[in-house]
Amino acid sequence: MEERKEKKKAFRKACKEQWKSLSSDYIATASKQICDTIRTLPEYQKAQRIFCFVSMDRELDTHSLLEAILDDSKELIVPRVLSMGKMALHRIDRIDDLEKSKLGIPEPAADAPTVTPDDVDLTIVPCLTTTLDGARMGRGGGFYDRFLAVYRGDTALVCFHRLTVPEVPMDPWDVHLPVVVTEEGVYRA
C-alpha cells in the first residue's frame, strides 16, 4: 500500500513538471479548441445544468466555455471550496459574480444558490493527466474523486493532449470516465 502511494506521488510530481513546461501559447490555443469541442458533444447539447470548474493559473482555460454555457441559455454550476477535498456546487448567472477566495480561487459567493450532484446533467472534469480511455489523475486534493463517487450524470474529462499518458496508477476508488476531450479530439471508452 505504501509503495503504491509513493509511486502515485512520484508520478503526479513528474506530471506537474511536464504541465509547468507547457507554453502559454499552447495552453491558450488548446484550451480554446477543447472548450469549442465540448459544445459539440451530444451530452452538452442535451444538458440543461452544467457543472464546470473555473480555471486559474496555468490550468486549461475554461472562461470561454463558462460564457458559452450562459450564452446557450443553460444553467452554469461552479464549485466553491468548503474544506480540503470538499466543495459546494453553486449556480451563477454571470461570470462577474465570481470573487477570489482567500486561496486565490475564483468562486461564487457563499449565498449563491446551491445545487446537489443529482441536479447536474453534465460535469466538465479537470485533471492533471489522463489516459485516452479515461483513467484520470487529479492534482491531489480529492475534490472530484469525492464528487464522482456520488455523481450519476454525464461527464466530459478535459486534458491537454500533451499531458495524456498510456497508463495512470489508480486506486480502487478512482473512477474511469467514459469521455475524454483534448485539443486533438473526443475519445470514448
C-alpha atoms as a PDB file:
ATOM      1  CA  MET A   1       0.000   0.000   0.000  1.00  0.00           C
ATOM      2  CA  GLU A   2       2.752   2.455   0.952  1.00  0.00           C
ATOM      3  CA  GLU A   3       4.703   1.566  -2.192  1.00  0.00           C
ATOM      4  CA  ARG A   4       1.670   2.303  -4.405  1.00  0.00           C
ATOM      5  CA  LYS A   5       1.140   5.620  -2.603  1.00  0.00           C
ATOM      6  CA  GLU A   6       4.778   6.637  -3.195  1.00  0.00           C
ATOM      7  CA  LYS A   7       4.591   5.557  -6.842  1.00  0.00           C
ATOM      8  CA  LYS A   8       1.473   7.674  -7.346  1.00  0.00           C
ATOM      9  CA  LYS A   9       3.111  10.653  -5.608  1.00  0.00           C
ATOM     10  CA  ALA A  10       6.201  10.433  -7.842  1.00  0.00           C
ATOM     11  CA  PHE A  11       4.032  10.043 -10.950  1.00  0.00           C
ATOM     12  CA  ARG A  12       1.959  13.119 -10.005  1.00  0.00           C
ATOM     13  CA  LYS A  13       5.140  15.140  -9.406  1.00  0.00           C
ATOM     14  CA  ALA A  14       6.515  14.194 -12.854  1.00  0.00           C
ATOM     15  CA  CYS A  15       3.193  15.136 -14.484  1.00  0.00           C
ATOM     16  CA  LYS A  16       3.191  18.518 -12.713  1.00  0.00           C
ATOM     17  CA  GLU A  17       6.680  19.203 -14.064  1.00  0.00           C
ATOM     18  CA  GLN A  18       5.515  18.381 -17.589  1.00  0.00           C
ATOM     19  CA  TRP A  19       2.452  20.606 -17.090  1.00  0.00           C
ATOM     20  CA  LYS A  20       4.676  23.520 -15.974  1.00  0.00           C
ATOM     21  CA  SER A  21       6.707  23.175 -19.191  1.00  0.00           C
ATOM     22  CA  LEU A  22       3.705  23.865 -21.462  1.00  0.00           C
ATOM     23  CA  SER A  23       3.940  27.201 -23.264  1.00  0.00           C
ATOM     24  CA  SER A  24       1.326  29.898 -22.678  1.00  0.00           C
ATOM     25  CA  ASP A  25       0.525  29.890 -26.403  1.00  0.00           C
ATOM     26  CA  TYR A  26      -0.109  26.141 -26.374  1.00  0.00           C
ATOM     27  CA  ILE A  27      -2.329  26.433 -23.285  1.00  0.00           C
ATOM     28  CA  ALA A  28      -4.390  29.230 -24.863  1.00  0.00           C
ATOM     29  CA  THR A  29      -4.829  27.528 -28.242  1.00  0.00           C
ATOM     30  CA  ALA A  30      -5.532  24.064 -26.842  1.00  0.00           C
ATOM     31  CA  SER A  31      -7.947  25.459 -24.225  1.00  0.00           C
ATOM     32  CA  LYS A  32      -9.990  27.213 -26.901  1.00  0.00           C
ATOM     33  CA  GLN A  33     -10.140  24.066 -29.067  1.00  0.00           C
ATOM     34  CA  ILE A  34     -11.190  21.900 -26.101  1.00  0.00           C
ATOM     35  CA  CYS A  35     -13.889  24.349 -24.971  1.00  0.00           C
ATOM     36  CA  ASP A  36     -15.248  24.627 -28.523  1.00  0.00           C
ATOM     37  CA  THR A  37     -15.336  20.822 -28.806  1.00  0.00           C
ATOM     38  CA  ILE A  38     -17.251  20.449 -25.526  1.00  0.00           C
ATOM     39  CA  ARG A  39     -20.113  22.447 -27.047  1.00  0.00           C
ATOM     40  CA  THR A  40     -20.428  19.922 -29.905  1.00  0.00           C
ATOM     41  CA  LEU A  41     -20.871  16.899 -27.614  1.00  0.00           C
ATOM     42  CA  PRO A  42     -24.345  15.318 -27.524  1.00  0.00           C
ATOM     43  CA  GLU A  43     -24.031  15.325 -23.716  1.00  0.00           C
ATOM     44  CA  TYR A  44     -23.614  19.108 -23.812  1.00  0.00           C
ATOM     45  CA  GLN A  45     -26.429  19.605 -26.312  1.00  0.00           C
ATOM     46  CA  LYS A  46     -28.983  17.795 -24.140  1.00  0.00           C
ATOM     47  CA  ALA A  47     -27.764  19.137 -20.773  1.00  0.00           C
ATOM     48  CA  GLN A  48     -29.616  21.959 -19.059  1.00  0.00           C
ATOM     49  CA  ARG A  49     -27.431  22.199 -15.910  1.00  0.00           C
ATOM     50  CA  ILE A  50     -23.667  22.082 -16.444  1.00  0.00           C
ATOM     51  CA  PHE A  51     -21.086  21.925 -13.660  1.00  0.00           C
ATOM     52  CA  CYS A  52     -17.707  23.292 -14.734  1.00  0.00           C
ATOM     53  CA  PHE A  53     -14.578  24.249 -12.847  1.00  0.00           C
ATOM     54  CA  VAL A  54     -13.338  27.823 -13.041  1.00  0.00           C
ATOM     55  CA  SER A  55      -9.762  27.789 -14.293  1.00  0.00           C
ATOM     56  CA  MET A  56      -6.871  29.584 -12.690  1.00  0.00           C
ATOM     57  CA  ASP A  57      -3.128  29.916 -13.226  1.00  0.00           C
ATOM     58  CA  ARG A  58      -1.934  27.573 -15.984  1.00  0.00           C
ATOM     59  CA  GLU A  59      -4.975  25.297 -15.960  1.00  0.00           C
ATOM     60  CA  LEU A  60      -6.994  24.598 -19.049  1.00  0.00           C
ATOM     61  CA  ASP A  61      -8.742  27.958 -19.542  1.00  0.00           C
ATOM     62  CA  THR A  62     -12.488  27.414 -19.151  1.00  0.00           C
ATOM     63  CA  HIS A  63     -13.594  31.063 -19.323  1.00  0.00           C
ATOM     64  CA  SER A  64     -14.851  30.849 -22.925  1.00  0.00           C
ATOM     65  CA  LEU A  65     -16.809  27.707 -22.020  1.00  0.00           C
ATOM     66  CA  LEU A  66     -18.333  29.304 -18.920  1.00  0.00           C
ATOM     67  CA  GLU A  67     -19.528  32.238 -21.054  1.00  0.00           C
ATOM     68  CA  ALA A  68     -20.815  29.858 -23.747  1.00  0.00           C
ATOM     69  CA  ILE A  69     -22.842  27.863 -21.207  1.00  0.00           C
ATOM     70  CA  LEU A  70     -24.604  31.070 -20.171  1.00  0.00           C
ATOM     71  CA  ASP A  71     -24.966  32.256 -23.789  1.00  0.00           C
ATOM     72  CA  ASP A  72     -26.535  28.893 -24.671  1.00  0.00           C
ATOM     73  CA  SER A  73     -29.224  29.543 -22.003  1.00  0.00           C
ATOM     74  CA  LYS A  74     -28.031  26.698 -19.822  1.00  0.00           C
ATOM     75  CA  GLU A  75     -27.592  26.842 -16.044  1.00  0.00           C
ATOM     76  CA  LEU A  76     -23.971  27.247 -15.009  1.00  0.00           C
ATOM     77  CA  ILE A  77     -22.891  25.469 -11.841  1.00  0.00           C
ATOM     78  CA  VAL A  78     -19.437  26.164 -10.390  1.00  0.00           C
ATOM     79  CA  PRO A  79     -17.593  24.909  -7.297  1.00  0.00           C
ATOM     80  CA  ARG A  80     -16.758  26.671  -4.043  1.00  0.00           C
ATOM     81  CA  VAL A  81     -14.182  25.100  -1.720  1.00  0.00           C
ATOM     82  CA  LEU A  82     -15.559  24.273   1.730  1.00  0.00           C
ATOM     83  CA  SER A  83     -12.535  22.471   3.142  1.00  0.00           C
ATOM     84  CA  MET A  84      -9.761  20.206   1.887  1.00  0.00           C
ATOM     85  CA  GLY A  85     -11.330  17.757  -0.564  1.00  0.00           C
ATOM     86  CA  LYS A  86     -14.869  19.138  -0.152  1.00  0.00           C
ATOM     87  CA  MET A  87     -16.708  21.552  -2.402  1.00  0.00           C
ATOM     88  CA  ALA A  88     -20.190  23.008  -2.712  1.00  0.00           C
ATOM     89  CA  LEU A  89     -21.950  23.433  -6.059  1.00  0.00           C
ATOM     90  CA  HIS A  90     -23.426  26.871  -6.763  1.00  0.00           C
ATOM     91  CA  ARG A  91     -25.464  28.227  -9.652  1.00  0.00           C
ATOM     92  CA  ILE A  92     -24.338  31.567 -11.046  1.00  0.00           C
ATOM     93  CA  ASP A  93     -25.915  33.828 -13.651  1.00  0.00           C
ATOM     94  CA  ARG A  94     -22.856  35.894 -14.567  1.00  0.00           C
ATOM     95  CA  ILE A  95     -19.107  35.302 -14.608  1.00  0.00           C
ATOM     96  CA  ASP A  96     -18.772  38.661 -12.855  1.00  0.00           C
ATOM     97  CA  ASP A  97     -20.438  37.039  -9.822  1.00  0.00           C
ATOM     98  CA  LEU A  98     -17.183  35.185  -9.093  1.00  0.00           C
ATOM     99  CA  GLU A  99     -14.805  36.563  -6.470  1.00  0.00           C
ATOM    100  CA  LYS A 100     -11.316  35.433  -5.482  1.00  0.00           C
ATOM    101  CA  SER A 101     -11.320  33.372  -2.298  1.00  0.00           C
ATOM    102  CA  LYS A 102      -8.642  33.552   0.399  1.00  0.00           C
ATOM    103  CA  LEU A 103      -6.836  30.856  -1.600  1.00  0.00           C
ATOM    104  CA  GLY A 104      -6.983  32.976  -4.769  1.00  0.00           C
ATOM    105  CA  ILE A 105      -9.578  30.721  -6.413  1.00  0.00           C
ATOM    106  CA  PRO A 106     -12.402  32.411  -8.373  1.00  0.00           C
ATOM    107  CA  GLU A 107     -15.562  31.267  -6.581  1.00  0.00           C
ATOM    108  CA  PRO A 108     -19.230  32.156  -6.192  1.00  0.00           C
ATOM    109  CA  ALA A 109     -20.398  33.913  -3.042  1.00  0.00           C
ATOM    110  CA  ALA A 110     -21.383  31.659  -0.159  1.00  0.00           C
ATOM    111  CA  ASP A 111     -25.007  32.793  -0.517  1.00  0.00           C
ATOM    112  CA  ALA A 112     -25.249  31.877  -4.223  1.00  0.00           C
ATOM    113  CA  PRO A 113     -27.942  29.228  -4.836  1.00  0.00           C
ATOM    114  CA  THR A 114     -26.640  25.704  -4.171  1.00  0.00           C
ATOM    115  CA  VAL A 115     -27.447  22.516  -6.054  1.00  0.00           C
ATOM    116  CA  THR A 116     -26.780  18.841  -5.392  1.00  0.00           C
ATOM    117  CA  PRO A 117     -24.896  16.458  -7.682  1.00  0.00           C
ATOM    118  CA  ASP A 118     -28.289  14.970  -8.619  1.00  0.00           C
ATOM    119  CA  ASP A 119     -29.284  18.355 -10.071  1.00  0.00           C
ATOM    120  CA  VAL A 120     -26.380  18.359 -12.564  1.00  0.00           C
ATOM    121  CA  ASP A 121     -26.757  16.957 -16.104  1.00  0.00           C
ATOM    122  CA  LEU A 122     -23.141  17.283 -17.280  1.00  0.00           C
ATOM    123  CA  THR A 123     -19.894  17.798 -15.392  1.00  0.00           C
ATOM    124  CA  ILE A 124     -16.705  19.075 -17.013  1.00  0.00           C
ATOM    125  CA  VAL A 125     -13.994  17.288 -15.044  1.00  0.00           C
ATOM    126  CA  PRO A 126     -10.441  18.635 -14.750  1.00  0.00           C
ATOM    127  CA  CYS A 127      -7.331  16.541 -14.356  1.00  0.00           C
ATOM    128  CA  LEU A 128      -3.580  16.699 -14.234  1.00  0.00           C
ATOM    129  CA  THR A 129      -3.248  13.787 -16.633  1.00  0.00           C
ATOM    130  CA  THR A 130      -5.358  11.019 -18.133  1.00  0.00           C
ATOM    131  CA  THR A 131      -5.252   8.068 -20.456  1.00  0.00           C
ATOM    132  CA  LEU A 132      -7.364   8.362 -23.591  1.00  0.00           C
ATOM    133  CA  ASP A 133      -9.727   5.754 -22.128  1.00  0.00           C
ATOM    134  CA  GLY A 134     -10.458   7.918 -19.067  1.00  0.00           C
ATOM    135  CA  ALA A 135      -8.127   6.769 -16.278  1.00  0.00           C
ATOM    136  CA  ARG A 136      -7.717  10.140 -14.563  1.00  0.00           C
ATOM    137  CA  MET A 137      -5.281  11.639 -12.095  1.00  0.00           C
ATOM    138  CA  GLY A 138      -6.170  14.926 -10.448  1.00  0.00           C
ATOM    139  CA  ARG A 139      -3.908  17.410  -8.764  1.00  0.00           C
ATOM    140  CA  GLY A 140      -4.175  15.644  -5.422  1.00  0.00           C
ATOM    141  CA  GLY A 141      -6.923  17.450  -3.499  1.00  0.00           C
ATOM    142  CA  GLY A 142      -9.536  14.694  -3.869  1.00  0.00           C
ATOM    143  CA  PHE A 143     -12.341  17.157  -4.699  1.00  0.00           C
ATOM    144  CA  TYR A 144     -13.504  15.416  -7.866  1.00  0.00           C
ATOM    145  CA  ASP A 145     -12.834  11.906  -6.536  1.00  0.00           C
ATOM    146  CA  ARG A 146     -15.366  12.557  -3.766  1.00  0.00           C
ATOM    147  CA  PHE A 147     -17.808  14.236  -6.163  1.00  0.00           C
ATOM    148  CA  LEU A 148     -17.579  11.466  -8.777  1.00  0.00           C
ATOM    149  CA  ALA A 149     -18.201   8.820  -6.102  1.00  0.00           C
ATOM    150  CA  VAL A 150     -21.801  10.102  -5.747  1.00  0.00           C
ATOM    151  CA  TYR A 151     -22.462  11.736  -9.139  1.00  0.00           C
ATOM    152  CA  ARG A 152     -24.510   9.818 -11.729  1.00  0.00           C
ATOM    153  CA  GLY A 153     -24.818  12.282 -14.627  1.00  0.00           C
ATOM    154  CA  ASP A 154     -22.759  12.660 -17.796  1.00  0.00           C
ATOM    155  CA  THR A 155     -19.110  13.701 -17.668  1.00  0.00           C
ATOM    156  CA  ALA A 156     -16.520  15.081 -20.038  1.00  0.00           C
ATOM    157  CA  LEU A 157     -12.924  14.857 -18.836  1.00  0.00           C
ATOM    158  CA  VAL A 158     -10.765  17.642 -20.296  1.00  0.00           C
ATOM    159  CA  CYS A 159      -6.994  17.433 -20.672  1.00  0.00           C
ATOM    160  CA  PHE A 160      -4.240  18.894 -22.817  1.00  0.00           C
ATOM    161  CA  HIS A 161      -3.230  16.194 -25.279  1.00  0.00           C
ATOM    162  CA  ARG A 162       0.435  16.696 -24.396  1.00  0.00           C
ATOM    163  CA  LEU A 163      -0.398  15.635 -20.833  1.00  0.00           C
ATOM    164  CA  THR A 164      -2.128  12.382 -21.805  1.00  0.00           C
ATOM    165  CA  VAL A 165      -0.286   9.202 -20.901  1.00  0.00           C
ATOM    166  CA  PRO A 166      -0.581   5.481 -21.705  1.00  0.00           C
ATOM    167  CA  GLU A 167      -1.173   4.494 -18.069  1.00  0.00           C
ATOM    168  CA  VAL A 168      -2.129   6.142 -14.764  1.00  0.00           C
ATOM    169  CA  PRO A 169      -1.601   4.498 -11.354  1.00  0.00           C
ATOM    170  CA  MET A 170      -5.123   4.033  -9.986  1.00  0.00           C
ATOM    171  CA  ASP A 171      -6.530   3.340  -6.534  1.00  0.00           C
ATOM    172  CA  PRO A 172      -9.671   1.234  -6.052  1.00  0.00           C
ATOM    173  CA  TRP A 173     -11.806   4.353  -5.504  1.00  0.00           C
ATOM    174  CA  ASP A 174     -10.578   6.116  -8.656  1.00  0.00           C
ATOM    175  CA  VAL A 175     -13.238   6.444 -11.356  1.00  0.00           C
ATOM    176  CA  HIS A 176     -12.658   5.898 -15.094  1.00  0.00           C
ATOM    177  CA  LEU A 177     -14.559   8.481 -17.119  1.00  0.00           C
ATOM    178  CA  PRO A 178     -16.140   7.497 -20.448  1.00  0.00           C
ATOM    179  CA  VAL A 179     -15.486  10.713 -22.431  1.00  0.00           C
ATOM    180  CA  VAL A 180     -12.090  12.415 -22.740  1.00  0.00           C
ATOM    181  CA  VAL A 181     -11.717  15.671 -24.682  1.00  0.00           C
ATOM    182  CA  THR A 182      -8.337  17.014 -25.775  1.00  0.00           C
ATOM    183  CA  GLU A 183      -7.494  19.561 -28.448  1.00  0.00           C
ATOM    184  CA  GLU A 184      -6.944  16.617 -30.803  1.00  0.00           C
ATOM    185  CA  GLY A 185     -10.419  15.171 -30.431  1.00  0.00           C
ATOM    186  CA  VAL A 186     -13.003  13.251 -28.411  1.00  0.00           C
ATOM    187  CA  TYR A 187     -12.127   9.810 -27.076  1.00  0.00           C
ATOM    188  CA  ARG A 188     -14.876   7.498 -25.841  1.00  0.00           C
ATOM    189  CA  ALA A 189     -14.185   4.454 -23.695  1.00  0.00           C
END
